[in-house]
C-alpha cells in the first residue's frame, strides 16, 4: 500500500469565495504553496489531524466536514488525506513561523498561480463547487 512514513492530513478550508493556502518554510520539491497539513498522529483521525495542523500552523480553528479523498501524492509519495474543513474561530496568521513562511486566502481563479501543477481531482471538484457557487 503506502510506505512506512505516517500519513498526512490536509485541510481544505473555504471561507466565502476563498480557500486557505500556506507556503512552507521548507519546500518539498516543486511543492511550495499547499493546504495546511501535517502527519496524522497515532490514535488521531485524518479530520482531527487536519483541524489540529490548521490551528498549529495558522491559529485558525476549523471543524472537519467531509473527506474529499486520499492518494499517494505524486510528488512526495506520501499518503495524504484531503479533508474539507469549516472555519469556526480565530484568525488565520502565520502561527508556526518555523513551518510556514506566509499564507493567503486565494480565489478560485488565483489557485493556478499558487499551485501550477494542478490539484487532486476530488479537491478541485470540491473547490469548483464551493468557490464558484
N, C-alpha and C. Protein backbone atom coordinates (compact mmCIF):
# COMPACT_ATOMS: atom_id res chain seq x y z
N UNK A 1 0.85 -1.19 0.00
CA UNK A 1 0.00 0.00 0.00
C UNK A 1 0.89 1.24 0.00
N UNK A 2 1.07 1.87 1.16
CA UNK A 2 1.89 3.08 1.24
C UNK A 2 3.16 2.76 2.03
N UNK A 3 4.11 3.66 1.98
CA UNK A 3 5.36 3.47 2.69
C UNK A 3 5.20 3.51 4.20
N UNK A 4 6.31 3.33 4.91
CA UNK A 4 6.29 3.26 6.37
C UNK A 4 6.06 4.62 7.02
N UNK A 5 6.29 5.69 6.28
CA UNK A 5 6.09 7.00 6.89
C UNK A 5 4.61 7.25 7.17
N UNK A 6 4.36 8.04 8.21
CA UNK A 6 2.98 8.30 8.60
C UNK A 6 2.23 9.09 7.55
N UNK A 7 0.95 8.80 7.46
CA UNK A 7 0.08 9.51 6.53
C UNK A 7 -0.07 10.97 6.96
N UNK A 8 -0.46 11.80 6.00
CA UNK A 8 -0.63 13.23 6.20
C UNK A 8 -2.10 13.59 5.98
N UNK A 9 -2.58 14.55 6.76
CA UNK A 9 -3.92 15.10 6.55
C UNK A 9 -3.78 16.54 6.11
N UNK A 10 -4.54 16.92 5.07
CA UNK A 10 -4.53 18.29 4.56
C UNK A 10 -5.91 18.88 4.74
N UNK A 11 -5.96 20.11 5.25
CA UNK A 11 -7.22 20.81 5.48
C UNK A 11 -7.53 21.73 4.32
N UNK A 12 -8.66 21.50 3.67
CA UNK A 12 -9.13 22.36 2.58
C UNK A 12 -10.17 23.29 3.21
N UNK A 13 -9.70 24.51 3.56
CA UNK A 13 -10.52 25.45 4.33
C UNK A 13 -11.05 26.54 3.40
N UNK A 14 -12.37 26.58 3.26
CA UNK A 14 -13.03 27.58 2.43
C UNK A 14 -13.74 28.59 3.33
N UNK A 15 -13.54 29.87 3.02
CA UNK A 15 -14.25 30.96 3.70
C UNK A 15 -14.77 31.89 2.62
N UNK A 16 -16.08 31.94 2.48
CA UNK A 16 -16.66 32.76 1.43
C UNK A 16 -16.24 32.24 0.07
N UNK A 17 -15.60 33.11 -0.73
CA UNK A 17 -15.17 32.71 -2.07
C UNK A 17 -13.66 32.48 -2.16
N UNK A 18 -13.06 32.12 -1.02
CA UNK A 18 -11.60 31.92 -0.99
C UNK A 18 -11.22 30.64 -0.26
N UNK A 19 -10.04 30.13 -0.58
CA UNK A 19 -9.50 28.94 0.07
C UNK A 19 -8.15 29.29 0.69
N UNK A 20 -7.86 28.71 1.83
CA UNK A 20 -6.63 28.99 2.57
C UNK A 20 -5.47 28.15 2.03
N UNK A 21 -4.37 28.83 1.70
CA UNK A 21 -3.13 28.16 1.31
C UNK A 21 -1.99 28.69 2.17
N UNK A 22 -1.02 27.82 2.44
CA UNK A 22 0.17 28.23 3.18
C UNK A 22 1.40 27.93 2.33
N UNK A 23 2.42 28.75 2.52
CA UNK A 23 3.70 28.49 1.85
C UNK A 23 4.66 27.95 2.90
N UNK A 24 5.14 26.76 2.66
CA UNK A 24 6.04 26.09 3.60
C UNK A 24 7.39 26.80 3.67
N UNK A 25 7.97 26.80 4.84
CA UNK A 25 9.31 27.33 5.06
C UNK A 25 10.32 26.45 4.29
N UNK A 26 10.12 25.13 4.36
CA UNK A 26 10.98 24.19 3.64
C UNK A 26 10.15 23.58 2.53
N UNK A 27 10.56 23.79 1.31
CA UNK A 27 9.81 23.28 0.17
C UNK A 27 10.05 21.79 -0.01
N UNK A 28 9.01 21.09 -0.47
CA UNK A 28 9.12 19.67 -0.80
C UNK A 28 9.14 19.59 -2.32
N UNK A 29 10.32 19.63 -2.90
CA UNK A 29 10.44 19.62 -4.35
C UNK A 29 9.74 20.84 -4.93
N UNK A 30 8.83 20.62 -5.87
CA UNK A 30 8.10 21.71 -6.50
C UNK A 30 6.97 22.24 -5.62
N UNK A 31 6.69 21.53 -4.53
CA UNK A 31 5.62 21.96 -3.64
C UNK A 31 6.08 23.16 -2.83
N UNK A 32 5.39 24.24 -2.95
CA UNK A 32 5.68 25.41 -2.16
C UNK A 32 4.40 25.82 -1.43
N UNK A 33 3.38 26.19 -2.20
CA UNK A 33 2.08 26.54 -1.64
C UNK A 33 1.24 25.27 -1.55
N UNK A 34 0.57 25.11 -0.44
CA UNK A 34 -0.28 23.94 -0.25
C UNK A 34 -1.31 24.22 0.84
N UNK A 35 -2.15 23.25 1.10
CA UNK A 35 -3.12 23.38 2.18
C UNK A 35 -2.42 23.15 3.51
N UNK A 36 -2.94 23.75 4.60
CA UNK A 36 -2.38 23.40 5.91
C UNK A 36 -2.43 21.88 6.06
N UNK A 37 -1.32 21.30 6.51
CA UNK A 37 -1.25 19.83 6.55
C UNK A 37 -0.17 19.37 7.50
N UNK A 38 -0.29 18.12 7.90
CA UNK A 38 0.74 17.52 8.74
C UNK A 38 0.44 16.06 8.99
N UNK A 39 1.39 15.42 9.66
CA UNK A 39 1.28 13.99 9.92
C UNK A 39 0.12 13.68 10.85
N UNK A 40 -0.54 12.57 10.57
CA UNK A 40 -1.61 12.08 11.42
C UNK A 40 -0.96 11.35 12.59
N UNK A 41 -1.25 11.79 13.80
CA UNK A 41 -0.66 11.18 15.00
C UNK A 41 -1.38 9.87 15.32
N UNK A 42 -0.70 8.94 16.02
CA UNK A 42 -1.36 7.68 16.40
C UNK A 42 -2.65 7.96 17.19
N UNK A 43 -3.71 7.26 16.83
CA UNK A 43 -4.98 7.42 17.51
C UNK A 43 -5.82 8.59 17.02
N UNK A 44 -5.31 9.32 16.05
CA UNK A 44 -5.99 10.51 15.54
C UNK A 44 -6.66 10.17 14.21
N UNK A 45 -7.85 10.72 13.97
CA UNK A 45 -8.47 10.56 12.65
C UNK A 45 -7.86 11.59 11.70
N UNK A 46 -7.98 11.37 10.39
CA UNK A 46 -7.50 12.39 9.46
C UNK A 46 -8.16 13.75 9.70
N UNK A 47 -9.45 13.77 10.02
CA UNK A 47 -10.14 15.03 10.29
C UNK A 47 -9.58 15.75 11.50
N UNK A 48 -9.32 14.99 12.56
CA UNK A 48 -8.73 15.59 13.77
C UNK A 48 -7.34 16.15 13.47
N UNK A 49 -6.57 15.41 12.68
CA UNK A 49 -5.22 15.87 12.33
C UNK A 49 -5.28 17.14 11.48
N UNK A 50 -6.21 17.18 10.52
CA UNK A 50 -6.34 18.36 9.67
C UNK A 50 -6.69 19.59 10.51
N UNK A 51 -7.61 19.44 11.46
CA UNK A 51 -8.01 20.56 12.32
C UNK A 51 -6.85 20.98 13.21
N UNK A 52 -6.13 20.02 13.80
CA UNK A 52 -5.00 20.33 14.69
C UNK A 52 -3.90 21.05 13.92
N UNK A 53 -3.55 20.53 12.76
CA UNK A 53 -2.48 21.15 11.97
C UNK A 53 -2.85 22.56 11.51
N UNK A 54 -4.11 22.77 11.15
CA UNK A 54 -4.54 24.11 10.74
C UNK A 54 -4.38 25.09 11.89
N UNK A 55 -4.78 24.66 13.10
CA UNK A 55 -4.63 25.55 14.25
C UNK A 55 -3.16 25.79 14.57
N UNK A 56 -2.35 24.73 14.54
CA UNK A 56 -0.91 24.89 14.85
C UNK A 56 -0.21 25.80 13.86
N UNK A 57 -0.54 25.66 12.57
CA UNK A 57 0.17 26.42 11.53
C UNK A 57 -0.37 27.82 11.35
N UNK A 58 -1.69 28.01 11.53
CA UNK A 58 -2.31 29.30 11.18
C UNK A 58 -3.09 29.96 12.32
N UNK A 59 -3.32 29.25 13.42
CA UNK A 59 -4.11 29.80 14.51
C UNK A 59 -5.61 29.76 14.25
N UNK A 60 -6.01 29.29 13.09
CA UNK A 60 -7.42 29.25 12.72
C UNK A 60 -8.05 27.97 13.27
N UNK A 61 -9.20 28.13 13.93
CA UNK A 61 -9.93 26.96 14.44
C UNK A 61 -10.90 26.50 13.36
N UNK A 62 -10.82 25.21 13.02
CA UNK A 62 -11.68 24.65 11.98
C UNK A 62 -12.32 23.37 12.48
N UNK A 63 -13.44 23.03 11.86
CA UNK A 63 -14.14 21.77 12.13
C UNK A 63 -14.12 20.96 10.84
N UNK A 64 -13.66 19.70 10.91
CA UNK A 64 -13.70 18.87 9.70
C UNK A 64 -15.13 18.58 9.30
N UNK A 65 -15.40 18.65 7.99
CA UNK A 65 -16.75 18.43 7.49
C UNK A 65 -16.87 17.14 6.70
N UNK A 66 -15.94 16.88 5.79
CA UNK A 66 -16.03 15.67 4.98
C UNK A 66 -14.66 15.30 4.43
N UNK A 67 -14.53 14.02 4.11
CA UNK A 67 -13.31 13.52 3.49
C UNK A 67 -13.49 13.68 1.98
N UNK A 68 -12.55 14.40 1.36
CA UNK A 68 -12.63 14.63 -0.08
C UNK A 68 -11.96 13.51 -0.86
N UNK A 69 -11.03 12.82 -0.22
CA UNK A 69 -10.34 11.72 -0.88
C UNK A 69 -8.96 11.52 -0.30
N UNK A 70 -8.28 10.48 -0.76
CA UNK A 70 -6.90 10.24 -0.34
C UNK A 70 -6.15 9.63 -1.50
N UNK A 71 -4.83 9.80 -1.47
CA UNK A 71 -3.98 9.26 -2.53
C UNK A 71 -2.54 9.25 -2.05
N UNK A 72 -1.70 8.60 -2.83
CA UNK A 72 -0.26 8.76 -2.67
C UNK A 72 0.09 10.00 -3.48
N UNK A 73 0.62 11.04 -2.82
CA UNK A 73 0.89 12.29 -3.52
C UNK A 73 1.91 12.04 -4.63
N UNK A 74 1.63 12.51 -5.85
CA UNK A 74 2.52 12.21 -6.97
C UNK A 74 3.92 12.80 -6.85
N UNK A 75 4.10 13.85 -6.03
CA UNK A 75 5.43 14.46 -5.91
C UNK A 75 6.21 13.97 -4.70
N UNK A 76 5.48 13.60 -3.62
CA UNK A 76 6.18 13.20 -2.39
C UNK A 76 6.05 11.72 -2.10
N UNK A 77 5.06 11.06 -2.71
CA UNK A 77 4.82 9.66 -2.42
C UNK A 77 4.11 9.40 -1.10
N UNK A 78 3.89 10.46 -0.33
CA UNK A 78 3.22 10.30 0.97
C UNK A 78 1.73 10.03 0.79
N UNK A 79 1.19 9.20 1.68
CA UNK A 79 -0.26 9.02 1.73
C UNK A 79 -0.85 10.30 2.30
N UNK A 80 -1.79 10.89 1.57
CA UNK A 80 -2.38 12.15 2.02
C UNK A 80 -3.90 12.07 1.96
N UNK A 81 -4.52 12.52 3.04
CA UNK A 81 -5.97 12.57 3.16
C UNK A 81 -6.39 14.03 3.06
N UNK A 82 -7.33 14.33 2.18
CA UNK A 82 -7.82 15.70 1.99
C UNK A 82 -9.15 15.84 2.72
N UNK A 83 -9.22 16.81 3.63
CA UNK A 83 -10.40 16.98 4.48
C UNK A 83 -10.97 18.38 4.27
N UNK A 84 -12.24 18.45 3.89
CA UNK A 84 -12.92 19.76 3.81
C UNK A 84 -13.19 20.22 5.23
N UNK A 85 -12.78 21.45 5.55
CA UNK A 85 -12.93 21.99 6.90
C UNK A 85 -13.62 23.35 6.85
N UNK A 86 -14.37 23.63 7.90
CA UNK A 86 -15.11 24.90 8.01
C UNK A 86 -14.49 25.72 9.14
N UNK A 87 -14.13 27.00 8.88
CA UNK A 87 -13.57 27.83 9.95
C UNK A 87 -14.64 28.19 10.98
N UNK A 88 -14.28 28.09 12.26
CA UNK A 88 -15.24 28.40 13.33
C UNK A 88 -14.72 29.43 14.33
N UNK A 89 -13.45 29.80 14.22
CA UNK A 89 -12.92 30.79 15.16
C UNK A 89 -11.48 31.12 14.87
N UNK A 90 -11.02 32.18 15.49
CA UNK A 90 -9.65 32.60 15.29
C UNK A 90 -9.48 33.36 13.98
N UNK A 91 -8.26 33.73 13.72
CA UNK A 91 -7.92 34.48 12.52
C UNK A 91 -6.67 33.84 11.95
N UNK A 92 -6.66 33.64 10.65
CA UNK A 92 -5.52 32.98 10.02
C UNK A 92 -4.31 33.90 10.00
N UNK A 93 -3.25 33.46 10.67
CA UNK A 93 -1.97 34.16 10.70
C UNK A 93 -0.87 33.09 10.60
N UNK A 94 0.36 33.51 10.42
CA UNK A 94 1.46 32.55 10.48
C UNK A 94 1.72 32.27 11.95
N UNK A 95 1.18 31.16 12.44
CA UNK A 95 1.29 30.82 13.86
C UNK A 95 2.53 29.98 14.15
N UNK A 96 3.04 29.30 13.14
CA UNK A 96 4.22 28.46 13.29
C UNK A 96 5.26 28.91 12.28
N UNK A 97 6.02 29.94 12.66
CA UNK A 97 6.96 30.56 11.72
C UNK A 97 8.09 29.61 11.30
N UNK A 98 8.36 28.56 12.09
CA UNK A 98 9.39 27.60 11.68
C UNK A 98 8.88 26.67 10.58
N UNK A 99 7.55 26.55 10.43
CA UNK A 99 6.97 25.68 9.41
C UNK A 99 6.40 26.46 8.23
N UNK A 100 5.78 27.60 8.51
CA UNK A 100 5.04 28.35 7.49
C UNK A 100 5.68 29.72 7.27
N UNK A 101 5.95 30.05 6.01
CA UNK A 101 6.55 31.34 5.67
C UNK A 101 5.49 32.42 5.51
N UNK A 102 4.36 32.06 4.88
CA UNK A 102 3.27 33.01 4.69
C UNK A 102 2.01 32.24 4.35
N UNK A 103 0.89 32.95 4.36
CA UNK A 103 -0.37 32.33 3.99
C UNK A 103 -1.20 33.30 3.18
N UNK A 104 -2.19 32.76 2.49
CA UNK A 104 -3.06 33.59 1.67
C UNK A 104 -4.44 32.95 1.60
N UNK A 105 -5.45 33.80 1.50
CA UNK A 105 -6.80 33.37 1.15
C UNK A 105 -6.92 33.68 -0.33
N UNK A 106 -6.99 32.66 -1.17
CA UNK A 106 -6.95 32.87 -2.61
C UNK A 106 -8.30 32.54 -3.26
N UNK A 107 -8.57 33.24 -4.34
CA UNK A 107 -9.81 32.98 -5.08
C UNK A 107 -9.60 31.78 -6.01
N UNK A 108 -10.69 31.28 -6.53
CA UNK A 108 -10.64 30.13 -7.45
C UNK A 108 -9.71 30.42 -8.63
N UNK A 109 -9.85 31.59 -9.22
CA UNK A 109 -9.04 31.93 -10.40
C UNK A 109 -7.57 32.10 -10.12
N UNK A 110 -7.21 32.35 -8.85
CA UNK A 110 -5.80 32.54 -8.49
C UNK A 110 -5.09 31.23 -8.13
N UNK A 111 -5.85 30.16 -7.90
CA UNK A 111 -5.23 28.90 -7.46
C UNK A 111 -4.08 28.47 -8.39
N UNK A 112 -4.22 28.51 -9.72
CA UNK A 112 -3.11 28.07 -10.58
C UNK A 112 -1.81 28.86 -10.39
N UNK A 113 -1.90 30.11 -9.92
CA UNK A 113 -0.68 30.89 -9.65
C UNK A 113 0.09 30.29 -8.48
N UNK A 114 -0.63 29.71 -7.54
CA UNK A 114 -0.01 29.13 -6.34
C UNK A 114 0.29 27.64 -6.50
N UNK A 115 -0.56 26.96 -7.24
CA UNK A 115 -0.44 25.52 -7.43
C UNK A 115 -0.48 25.22 -8.93
N UNK A 116 0.62 25.53 -9.65
CA UNK A 116 0.62 25.43 -11.11
C UNK A 116 0.49 24.01 -11.64
N UNK A 117 0.79 23.01 -10.83
CA UNK A 117 0.75 21.63 -11.29
C UNK A 117 -0.65 21.03 -11.14
N UNK A 118 -1.62 21.80 -10.67
CA UNK A 118 -3.00 21.31 -10.55
C UNK A 118 -3.26 20.64 -9.22
N UNK A 119 -4.54 20.52 -8.91
CA UNK A 119 -4.97 19.92 -7.66
C UNK A 119 -5.51 18.52 -7.89
N UNK A 120 -5.52 17.71 -6.84
CA UNK A 120 -6.13 16.39 -6.84
C UNK A 120 -7.58 16.57 -7.29
N UNK A 121 -8.04 15.75 -8.24
CA UNK A 121 -9.34 15.98 -8.88
C UNK A 121 -10.51 16.12 -7.89
N UNK A 122 -10.65 15.26 -6.87
CA UNK A 122 -11.76 15.46 -5.93
C UNK A 122 -11.67 16.80 -5.18
N UNK A 123 -10.46 17.28 -4.91
CA UNK A 123 -10.29 18.59 -4.25
C UNK A 123 -10.68 19.69 -5.22
N UNK A 124 -10.25 19.57 -6.47
CA UNK A 124 -10.61 20.57 -7.49
C UNK A 124 -12.12 20.62 -7.67
N UNK A 125 -12.76 19.46 -7.72
CA UNK A 125 -14.22 19.41 -7.86
C UNK A 125 -14.91 20.10 -6.69
N UNK A 126 -14.42 19.84 -5.46
CA UNK A 126 -14.99 20.47 -4.27
C UNK A 126 -14.83 21.98 -4.33
N UNK A 127 -13.63 22.45 -4.71
CA UNK A 127 -13.39 23.89 -4.78
C UNK A 127 -14.18 24.54 -5.91
N UNK A 128 -14.34 23.84 -7.02
CA UNK A 128 -15.17 24.36 -8.10
C UNK A 128 -16.58 24.64 -7.58
N UNK A 129 -17.14 23.70 -6.83
CA UNK A 129 -18.49 23.84 -6.30
C UNK A 129 -18.55 24.89 -5.20
N UNK A 130 -17.55 24.88 -4.30
CA UNK A 130 -17.59 25.77 -3.14
C UNK A 130 -17.28 27.23 -3.49
N UNK A 131 -16.36 27.45 -4.43
CA UNK A 131 -15.89 28.81 -4.71
C UNK A 131 -16.63 29.46 -5.87
N UNK A 132 -17.26 28.67 -6.70
CA UNK A 132 -17.90 29.25 -7.88
C UNK A 132 -19.42 29.31 -7.76
N UNK A 133 -19.94 28.88 -6.61
CA UNK A 133 -21.40 28.88 -6.46
C UNK A 133 -21.92 30.21 -5.94
